[in-house]
Amino acid sequence: MVYNCKLQTFRVGNGGTPLKAQGGKVRVRLLVDRNTIEAFVNDGRLYMPTKVVPAEGKPALELTAKGGPAKASVEAYTLKSAWRQ
């Protein structure tokens, strides 16, 4: 997932869409499962689900900023299974 500040676009994989920052910020909430990531951007104004195939030996999740400053706040929660054991 990439937000391009110059082009004001949000991209997931090969697909992307225009997205303007609100008050100079882009807020992204991710729901990450074994093989899907769902992105809710700017309080749900944009929703982008994507299927993922985890690469062997790669980090499960990685945040980076290139070409300028970025501030990130991360909270992670482990959910219990919805299926009865």
PDB file of N, CA and C in Angstrom:
ATOM      1  N   MET A   1       0.845  -1.167   0.000  1.00  0.00           N
ATOM      2  CA  MET A   1       0.000   0.000   0.000  1.00  0.00           C
ATOM      3  C   MET A   1       0.889   1.228   0.000  1.00  0.00           C
ATOM      4  N   VAL A   2       0.582   2.146  -0.899  1.00  0.00           N
ATOM      5  CA  VAL A   2       1.418   3.330  -1.054  1.00  0.00           C
ATOM      6  C   VAL A   2       0.533   4.563  -1.190  1.00  0.00           C
ATOM      7  N   TYR A   3       0.864   5.598  -0.429  1.00  0.00           N
ATOM      8  CA  TYR A   3       0.225   6.898  -0.646  1.00  0.00           C
ATOM      9  C   TYR A   3       1.275   7.812  -1.259  1.00  0.00           C
ATOM     10  N   ASN A   4       0.990   8.341  -2.444  1.00  0.00           N
ATOM     11  CA  ASN A   4       1.895   9.252  -3.135  1.00  0.00           C
ATOM     12  C   ASN A   4       1.432  10.680  -2.870  1.00  0.00           C
ATOM     13  N   CYS A   5       2.213  11.415  -2.076  1.00  0.00           N
ATOM     14  CA  CYS A   5       1.836  12.783  -1.691  1.00  0.00           C
ATOM     15  C   CYS A   5       1.775  13.724  -2.889  1.00  0.00           C
ATOM     16  N   LYS A   6       2.735  13.595  -3.811  1.00  0.00           N
ATOM     17  CA  LYS A   6       2.755  14.491  -4.970  1.00  0.00           C
ATOM     18  C   LYS A   6       1.549  14.270  -5.872  1.00  0.00           C
ATOM     19  N   LEU A   7       1.261  13.014  -6.172  1.00  0.00           N
ATOM     20  CA  LEU A   7       0.141  12.696  -7.066  1.00  0.00           C
ATOM     21  C   LEU A   7      -1.194  12.602  -6.334  1.00  0.00           C
ATOM     22  N   GLN A   8      -1.149  12.576  -5.013  1.00  0.00           N
ATOM     23  CA  GLN A   8      -2.332  12.405  -4.163  1.00  0.00           C
ATOM     24  C   GLN A   8      -3.125  11.173  -4.599  1.00  0.00           C
ATOM     25  N   THR A   9      -2.420  10.038  -4.575  1.00  0.00           N
ATOM     26  CA  THR A   9      -3.049   8.765  -4.913  1.00  0.00           C
ATOM     27  C   THR A   9      -2.731   7.728  -3.849  1.00  0.00           C
ATOM     28  N   PHE A  10      -3.652   6.805  -3.673  1.00  0.00           N
ATOM     29  CA  PHE A  10      -3.482   5.683  -2.748  1.00  0.00           C
ATOM     30  C   PHE A  10      -3.528   4.423  -3.588  1.00  0.00           C
ATOM     31  N   ARG A  11      -2.508   3.574  -3.434  1.00  0.00           N
ATOM     32  CA  ARG A  11      -2.396   2.393  -4.284  1.00  0.00           C
ATOM     33  C   ARG A  11      -2.254   1.146  -3.433  1.00  0.00           C
ATOM     34  N   VAL A  12      -2.950   0.099  -3.854  1.00  0.00           N
ATOM     35  CA  VAL A  12      -2.802  -1.222  -3.266  1.00  0.00           C
ATOM     36  C   VAL A  12      -2.472  -2.166  -4.411  1.00  0.00           C
ATOM     37  N   GLY A  13      -1.299  -2.773  -4.390  1.00  0.00           N
ATOM     38  CA  GLY A  13      -0.895  -3.648  -5.487  1.00  0.00           C
ATOM     39  C   GLY A  13      -0.856  -2.874  -6.791  1.00  0.00           C
ATOM     40  N   ASN A  14      -1.535  -3.381  -7.811  1.00  0.00           N
ATOM     41  CA  ASN A  14      -1.564  -2.719  -9.114  1.00  0.00           C
ATOM     42  C   ASN A  14      -2.697  -1.710  -9.235  1.00  0.00           C
ATOM     43  N   GLY A  15      -3.652  -1.746  -8.327  1.00  0.00           N
ATOM     44  CA  GLY A  15      -4.801  -0.835  -8.402  1.00  0.00           C
ATOM     45  C   GLY A  15      -4.586   0.399  -7.551  1.00  0.00           C
ATOM     46  N   GLY A  16      -5.108   1.532  -7.994  1.00  0.00           N
ATOM     47  CA  GLY A  16      -4.975   2.765  -7.232  1.00  0.00           C
ATOM     48  C   GLY A  16      -6.112   3.716  -7.522  1.00  0.00           C
ATOM     49  N   THR A  17      -6.204   4.750  -6.702  1.00  0.00           N
ATOM     50  CA  THR A  17      -7.272   5.727  -6.846  1.00  0.00           C
ATOM     51  C   THR A  17      -6.815   7.082  -6.320  1.00  0.00           C
ATOM     52  N   PRO A  18      -7.367   8.185  -6.853  1.00  0.00           N
ATOM     53  CA  PRO A  18      -7.032   9.504  -6.305  1.00  0.00           C
ATOM     54  C   PRO A  18      -7.502   9.610  -4.851  1.00  0.00           C
ATOM     55  N   LEU A  19      -6.710  10.279  -4.023  1.00  0.00           N
ATOM     56  CA  LEU A  19      -7.083  10.465  -2.624  1.00  0.00           C
ATOM     57  C   LEU A  19      -6.387  11.699  -2.082  1.00  0.00           C
ATOM     58  N   LYS A  20      -7.157  12.706  -1.717  1.00  0.00           N
ATOM     59  CA  LYS A  20      -6.592  13.910  -1.131  1.00  0.00           C
ATOM     60  C   LYS A  20      -6.440  13.731   0.374  1.00  0.00           C
ATOM     61  N   ALA A  21      -5.343  14.248   0.883  1.00  0.00           N
ATOM     62  CA  ALA A  21      -5.136  14.246   2.325  1.00  0.00           C
ATOM     63  C   ALA A  21      -6.136  15.193   2.967  1.00  0.00           C
ATOM     64  N   GLN A  22      -6.531  14.900   4.194  1.00  0.00           N
ATOM     65  CA  GLN A  22      -7.460  15.757   4.927  1.00  0.00           C
ATOM     66  C   GLN A  22      -6.698  16.429   6.055  1.00  0.00           C
ATOM     67  N   GLY A  23      -6.582  17.752   5.972  1.00  0.00           N
ATOM     68  CA  GLY A  23      -5.808  18.479   6.970  1.00  0.00           C
ATOM     69  C   GLY A  23      -4.351  18.075   6.962  1.00  0.00           C
ATOM     70  N   GLY A  24      -3.845  17.696   5.786  1.00  0.00           N
ATOM     71  CA  GLY A  24      -2.451  17.287   5.673  1.00  0.00           C
ATOM     72  C   GLY A  24      -2.175  15.872   6.142  1.00  0.00           C
ATOM     73  N   LYS A  25      -3.241  15.096   6.406  1.00  0.00           N
ATOM     74  CA  LYS A  25      -3.071  13.736   6.926  1.00  0.00           C
ATOM     75  C   LYS A  25      -3.866  12.730   6.104  1.00  0.00           C
ATOM     76  N   VAL A  26      -3.330  11.518   6.065  1.00  0.00           N
ATOM     77  CA  VAL A  26      -4.042  10.369   5.516  1.00  0.00           C
ATOM     78  C   VAL A  26      -4.110   9.342   6.636  1.00  0.00           C
ATOM     79  N   ARG A  27      -5.303   9.012   7.045  1.00  0.00           N
ATOM     80  CA  ARG A  27      -5.489   8.060   8.140  1.00  0.00           C
ATOM     81  C   ARG A  27      -5.867   6.703   7.542  1.00  0.00           C
ATOM     82  N   VAL A  28      -5.100   5.672   7.879  1.00  0.00           N
ATOM     83  CA  VAL A  28      -5.326   4.334   7.336  1.00  0.00           C
ATOM     84  C   VAL A  28      -5.536   3.363   8.484  1.00  0.00           C
ATOM     85  N   ARG A  29      -6.638   2.634   8.438  1.00  0.00           N
ATOM     86  CA  ARG A  29      -6.889   1.555   9.404  1.00  0.00           C
ATOM     87  C   ARG A  29      -6.857   0.255   8.614  1.00  0.00           C
ATOM     88  N   LEU A  30      -6.019  -0.681   9.055  1.00  0.00           N
ATOM     89  CA  LEU A  30      -5.864  -1.953   8.356  1.00  0.00           C
ATOM     90  C   LEU A  30      -6.416  -3.094   9.190  1.00  0.00           C
ATOM     91  N   LEU A  31      -7.139  -3.968   8.533  1.00  0.00           N
ATOM     92  CA  LEU A  31      -7.518  -5.247   9.125  1.00  0.00           C
ATOM     93  C   LEU A  31      -6.745  -6.302   8.352  1.00  0.00           C
ATOM     94  N   VAL A  32      -5.871  -7.010   9.059  1.00  0.00           N
ATOM     95  CA  VAL A  32      -4.969  -7.958   8.422  1.00  0.00           C
ATOM     96  C   VAL A  32      -5.333  -9.362   8.864  1.00  0.00           C
ATOM     97  N   ASP A  33      -5.551 -10.236   7.891  1.00  0.00           N
ATOM     98  CA  ASP A  33      -5.856 -11.636   8.156  1.00  0.00           C
ATOM     99  C   ASP A  33      -4.778 -12.473   7.476  1.00  0.00           C
ATOM    100  N   ARG A  34      -4.936 -13.765   7.481  1.00  0.00           N
ATOM    101  CA  ARG A  34      -3.907 -14.635   6.908  1.00  0.00           C
ATOM    102  C   ARG A  34      -3.592 -14.304   5.459  1.00  0.00           C
ATOM    103  N   ASN A  35      -4.620 -14.059   4.654  1.00  0.00           N
ATOM    104  CA  ASN A  35      -4.358 -13.811   3.238  1.00  0.00           C
ATOM    105  C   ASN A  35      -5.115 -12.617   2.670  1.00  0.00           C
ATOM    106  N   THR A  36      -5.577 -11.731   3.544  1.00  0.00           N
ATOM    107  CA  THR A  36      -6.227 -10.507   3.072  1.00  0.00           C
ATOM    108  C   THR A  36      -5.811  -9.319   3.931  1.00  0.00           C
ATOM    109  N   ILE A  37      -5.803  -8.158   3.289  1.00  0.00           N
ATOM    110  CA  ILE A  37      -5.630  -6.897   4.004  1.00  0.00           C
ATOM    111  C   ILE A  37      -6.753  -5.987   3.528  1.00  0.00           C
ATOM    112  N   GLU A  38      -7.484  -5.419   4.473  1.00  0.00           N
ATOM    113  CA  GLU A  38      -8.536  -4.469   4.145  1.00  0.00           C
ATOM    114  C   GLU A  38      -8.103  -3.098   4.649  1.00  0.00           C
ATOM    115  N   ALA A  39      -8.099  -2.121   3.774  1.00  0.00           N
ATOM    116  CA  ALA A  39      -7.697  -0.766   4.142  1.00  0.00           C
ATOM    117  C   ALA A  39      -8.928   0.129   4.182  1.00  0.00           C
ATOM    118  N   PHE A  40      -9.132   0.781   5.306  1.00  0.00           N
ATOM    119  CA  PHE A  40     -10.176   1.790   5.474  1.00  0.00           C
ATOM    120  C   PHE A  40      -9.440   3.119   5.598  1.00  0.00           C
ATOM    121  N   VAL A  41      -9.586   3.984   4.618  1.00  0.00           N
ATOM    122  CA  VAL A  41      -8.780   5.198   4.541  1.00  0.00           C
ATOM    123  C   VAL A  41      -9.647   6.422   4.818  1.00  0.00           C
ATOM    124  N   ASN A  42      -9.092   7.347   5.605  1.00  0.00           N
ATOM    125  CA  ASN A  42      -9.785   8.584   5.982  1.00  0.00           C
ATOM    126  C   ASN A  42     -11.189   8.300   6.498  1.00  0.00           C
ATOM    127  N   ASP A  43     -11.222   7.479   7.551  1.00  0.00           N
ATOM    128  CA  ASP A  43     -12.461   7.153   8.264  1.00  0.00           C
ATOM    129  C   ASP A  43     -13.516   6.514   7.359  1.00  0.00           C
ATOM    130  N   GLY A  44     -13.070   5.645   6.441  1.00  0.00           N
ATOM    131  CA  GLY A  44     -13.991   4.884   5.608  1.00  0.00           C
ATOM    132  C   GLY A  44     -14.392   5.549   4.303  1.00  0.00           C
ATOM    133  N   ARG A  45     -13.847   6.708   4.002  1.00  0.00           N
ATOM    134  CA  ARG A  45     -14.182   7.364   2.729  1.00  0.00           C
ATOM    135  C   ARG A  45     -13.668   6.548   1.544  1.00  0.00           C
ATOM    136  N   LEU A  46     -12.642   5.748   1.803  1.00  0.00           N
ATOM    137  CA  LEU A  46     -12.108   4.857   0.787  1.00  0.00           C
ATOM    138  C   LEU A  46     -11.920   3.491   1.435  1.00  0.00           C
ATOM    139  N   TYR A  47     -12.376   2.453   0.742  1.00  0.00           N
ATOM    140  CA  TYR A  47     -12.210   1.074   1.210  1.00  0.00           C
ATOM    141  C   TYR A  47     -11.522   0.293   0.108  1.00  0.00           C
ATOM    142  N   MET A  48     -10.395  -0.346   0.431  1.00  0.00           N
ATOM    143  CA  MET A  48      -9.661  -1.122  -0.565  1.00  0.00           C
ATOM    144  C   MET A  48      -9.244  -2.461   0.038  1.00  0.00           C
ATOM    145  N   PRO A  49      -9.930  -3.534  -0.331  1.00  0.00           N
ATOM    146  CA  PRO A  49      -9.496  -4.860   0.101  1.00  0.00           C
ATOM    147  C   PRO A  49      -8.500  -5.435  -0.899  1.00  0.00           C
ATOM    148  N   THR A  50      -7.604  -6.277  -0.437  1.00  0.00           N
ATOM    149  CA  THR A  50      -6.664  -6.927  -1.341  1.00  0.00           C
ATOM    150  C   THR A  50      -6.284  -8.295  -0.802  1.00  0.00           C
ATOM    151  N   LYS A  51      -6.099  -9.224  -1.713  1.00  0.00           N
ATOM    152  CA  LYS A  51      -5.628 -10.559  -1.350  1.00  0.00           C
ATOM    153  C   LYS A  51      -4.114 -10.527  -1.334  1.00  0.00           C
ATOM    154  N   VAL A  52      -3.514 -11.171  -0.360  1.00  0.00           N
ATOM    155  CA  VAL A  52      -2.054 -11.211  -0.265  1.00  0.00           C
ATOM    156  C   VAL A  52      -1.578 -12.650  -0.143  1.00  0.00           C
ATOM    157  N   VAL A  53      -0.411 -12.883  -0.662  1.00  0.00           N
ATOM    158  CA  VAL A  53       0.263 -14.168  -0.511  1.00  0.00           C
ATOM    159  C   VAL A  53       1.574 -13.872   0.190  1.00  0.00           C
ATOM    160  N   PRO A  54       1.670 -14.194   1.482  1.00  0.00           N
ATOM    161  CA  PRO A  54       2.885 -13.865   2.226  1.00  0.00           C
ATOM    162  C   PRO A  54       4.113 -14.512   1.606  1.00  0.00           C
ATOM    163  N   ALA A  55       5.162 -13.727   1.436  1.00  0.00           N
ATOM    164  CA  ALA A  55       6.420 -14.235   0.886  1.00  0.00           C
ATOM    165  C   ALA A  55       7.249 -14.837   2.008  1.00  0.00           C
ATOM    166  N   GLU A  56       7.840 -15.959   1.732  1.00  0.00           N
ATOM    167  CA  GLU A  56       8.679 -16.641   2.708  1.00  0.00           C
ATOM    168  C   GLU A  56       9.864 -15.756   3.098  1.00  0.00           C
ATOM    169  N   GLY A  57      10.075 -15.574   4.393  1.00  0.00           N
ATOM    170  CA  GLY A  57      11.217 -14.811   4.876  1.00  0.00           C
ATOM    171  C   GLY A  57      11.042 -13.303   4.864  1.00  0.00           C
ATOM    172  N   LYS A  58       9.888 -12.806   4.456  1.00  0.00           N
ATOM    173  CA  LYS A  58       9.628 -11.357   4.428  1.00  0.00           C
ATOM    174  C   LYS A  58       8.858 -10.969   5.696  1.00  0.00           C
ATOM    175  N   PRO A  59       8.973  -9.698   6.113  1.00  0.00           N
ATOM    176  CA  PRO A  59       8.205  -9.255   7.272  1.00  0.00           C
ATOM    177  C   PRO A  59       6.703  -9.363   6.998  1.00  0.00           C
ATOM    178  N   ALA A  60       5.951  -9.683   8.031  1.00  0.00           N
ATOM    179  CA  ALA A  60       4.501  -9.792   7.879  1.00  0.00           C
ATOM    180  C   ALA A  60       3.886  -8.442   7.542  1.00  0.00           C
ATOM    181  N   LEU A  61       4.407  -7.380   8.141  1.00  0.00           N
ATOM    182  CA  LEU A  61       3.903  -6.033   7.898  1.00  0.00           C
ATOM    183  C   LEU A  61       5.058  -5.061   8.042  1.00  0.00           C
ATOM    184  N   GLU A  62       5.157  -4.125   7.118  1.00  0.00           N
ATOM    185  CA  GLU A  62       6.270  -3.178   7.131  1.00  0.00           C
ATOM    186  C   GLU A  62       5.745  -1.796   6.752  1.00  0.00           C
ATOM    187  N   LEU A  63       6.144  -0.770   7.501  1.00  0.00           N
ATOM    188  CA  LEU A  63       5.771   0.614   7.208  1.00  0.00           C
ATOM    189  C   LEU A  63       7.016   1.389   6.845  1.00  0.00           C
ATOM    190  N   THR A  64       6.966   2.116   5.723  1.00  0.00           N
ATOM    191  CA  THR A  64       8.102   2.931   5.326  1.00  0.00           C
ATOM    192  C   THR A  64       7.625   4.272   4.793  1.00  0.00           C
ATOM    193  N   ALA A  65       8.503   5.266   4.843  1.00  0.00           N
ATOM    194  CA  ALA A  65       8.238   6.579   4.259  1.00  0.00           C
ATOM    195  C   ALA A  65       9.456   6.957   3.434  1.00  0.00           C
ATOM    196  N   LYS A  66       9.223   7.396   2.200  1.00  0.00           N
ATOM    197  CA  LYS A  66      10.321   7.791   1.322  1.00  0.00           C
ATOM    198  C   LYS A  66      10.078   9.198   0.811  1.00  0.00           C
ATOM    199  N   GLY A  67      11.130   9.995   0.749  1.00  0.00           N
ATOM    200  CA  GLY A  67      11.046  11.312   0.145  1.00  0.00           C
ATOM    201  C   GLY A  67      10.506  12.400   1.049  1.00  0.00           C
ATOM    202  N   GLY A  68      10.294  12.119   2.311  1.00  0.00           N
ATOM    203  CA  GLY A  68       9.785  13.143   3.213  1.00  0.00           C
ATOM    204  C   GLY A  68       9.392  12.554   4.547  1.00  0.00           C
ATOM    205  N   PRO A  69       9.042  13.412   5.490  1.00  0.00           N
ATOM    206  CA  PRO A  69       8.703  12.926   6.824  1.00  0.00           C
ATOM    207  C   PRO A  69       7.313  12.292   6.860  1.00  0.00           C
ATOM    208  N   ALA A  70       7.151  11.369   7.767  1.00  0.00           N
ATOM    209  CA  ALA A  70       5.851  10.734   8.006  1.00  0.00           C
ATOM    210  C   ALA A  70       5.777  10.374   9.479  1.00  0.00           C
ATOM    211  N   LYS A  71       4.604  10.431  10.019  1.00  0.00           N
ATOM    212  CA  LYS A  71       4.387  10.069  11.407  1.00  0.00           C
ATOM    213  C   LYS A  71       3.415   8.898  11.436  1.00  0.00           C
ATOM    214  N   ALA A  72       3.764   7.863  12.161  1.00  0.00           N
ATOM    215  CA  ALA A  72       2.909   6.683  12.229  1.00  0.00           C
ATOM    216  C   ALA A  72       2.598   6.353  13.677  1.00  0.00           C
ATOM    217  N   SER A  73       1.385   5.965  13.908  1.00  0.00           N
ATOM    218  CA  SER A  73       0.953   5.468  15.199  1.00  0.00           C
ATOM    219  C   SER A  73       0.350   4.096  14.943  1.00  0.00           C
ATOM    220  N   VAL A  74       0.863   3.068  15.611  1.00  0.00           N
ATOM    221  CA  VAL A  74       0.434   1.705  15.336  1.00  0.00           C
ATOM    222  C   VAL A  74      -0.119   1.073  16.606  1.00  0.00           C
ATOM    223  N   GLU A  75      -1.298   0.489  16.488  1.00  0.00           N
ATOM    224  CA  GLU A  75      -1.882  -0.328  17.545  1.00  0.00           C
ATOM    225  C   GLU A  75      -2.219  -1.666  16.919  1.00  0.00           C
ATOM    226  N   ALA A  76      -1.829  -2.760  17.558  1.00  0.00           N
ATOM    227  CA  ALA A  76      -2.101  -4.096  17.023  1.00  0.00           C
ATOM    228  C   ALA A  76      -2.852  -4.910  18.062  1.00  0.00           C
ATOM    229  N   TYR A  77      -3.829  -5.649  17.595  1.00  0.00           N
ATOM    230  CA  TYR A  77      -4.643  -6.495  18.459  1.00  0.00           C
ATOM    231  C   TYR A  77      -4.743  -7.881  17.844  1.00  0.00           C
ATOM    232  N   THR A  78      -4.630  -8.896  18.666  1.00  0.00           N
ATOM    233  CA  THR A  78      -4.843 -10.266  18.214  1.00  0.00           C
ATOM    234  C   THR A  78      -6.273 -10.639  18.542  1.00  0.00           C
ATOM    235  N   LEU A  79      -6.999 -11.084  17.538  1.00  0.00           N
ATOM    236  CA  LEU A  79      -8.394 -11.454  17.727  1.00  0.00           C
ATOM    237  C   LEU A  79      -8.507 -12.964  17.902  1.00  0.00           C
ATOM    238  N   LYS A  80      -9.507 -13.371  18.659  1.00  0.00           N
ATOM    239  CA  LYS A  80      -9.783 -14.799  18.797  1.00  0.00           C
ATOM    240  C   LYS A  80     -10.535 -15.276  17.578  1.00  0.00           C
ATOM    241  N   SER A  81     -10.483 -16.559  17.345  1.00  0.00           N
ATOM    242  CA  SER A  81     -11.193 -17.141  16.206  1.00  0.00           C
ATOM    243  C   SER A  81     -12.705 -17.030  16.407  1.00  0.00           C
ATOM    244  N   ALA A  82     -13.398 -16.812  15.295  1.00  0.00           N
ATOM    245  CA  ALA A  82     -14.863 -16.797  15.325  1.00  0.00           C
ATOM    246  C   ALA A  82     -15.426 -18.206  15.306  1.00  0.00           C
ATOM    247  N   TRP A  83     -14.583 -19.184  15.008  1.00  0.00           N
ATOM    248  CA  TRP A  83     -15.018 -20.579  14.905  1.00  0.00           C
ATOM    249  C   TRP A  83     -14.862 -21.273  16.242  1.00  0.00           C
ATOM    250  N   ARG A  84     -15.826 -22.082  16.580  1.00  0.00           N
ATOM    251  CA  ARG A  84     -15.755 -22.851  17.829  1.00  0.00           C
ATOM    252  C   ARG A  84     -14.663 -23.892  17.725  1.00  0.00           C
ATOM    253  N   GLN A  85     -13.959 -24.054  18.799  1.00  0.00           N
ATOM    254  CA  GLN A  85     -12.840 -25.013  18.816  1.00  0.00           C
ATOM    255  C   GLN A  85     -13.327 -26.413  19.110  1.00  0.00           C
TER     256      GLN A  85
END
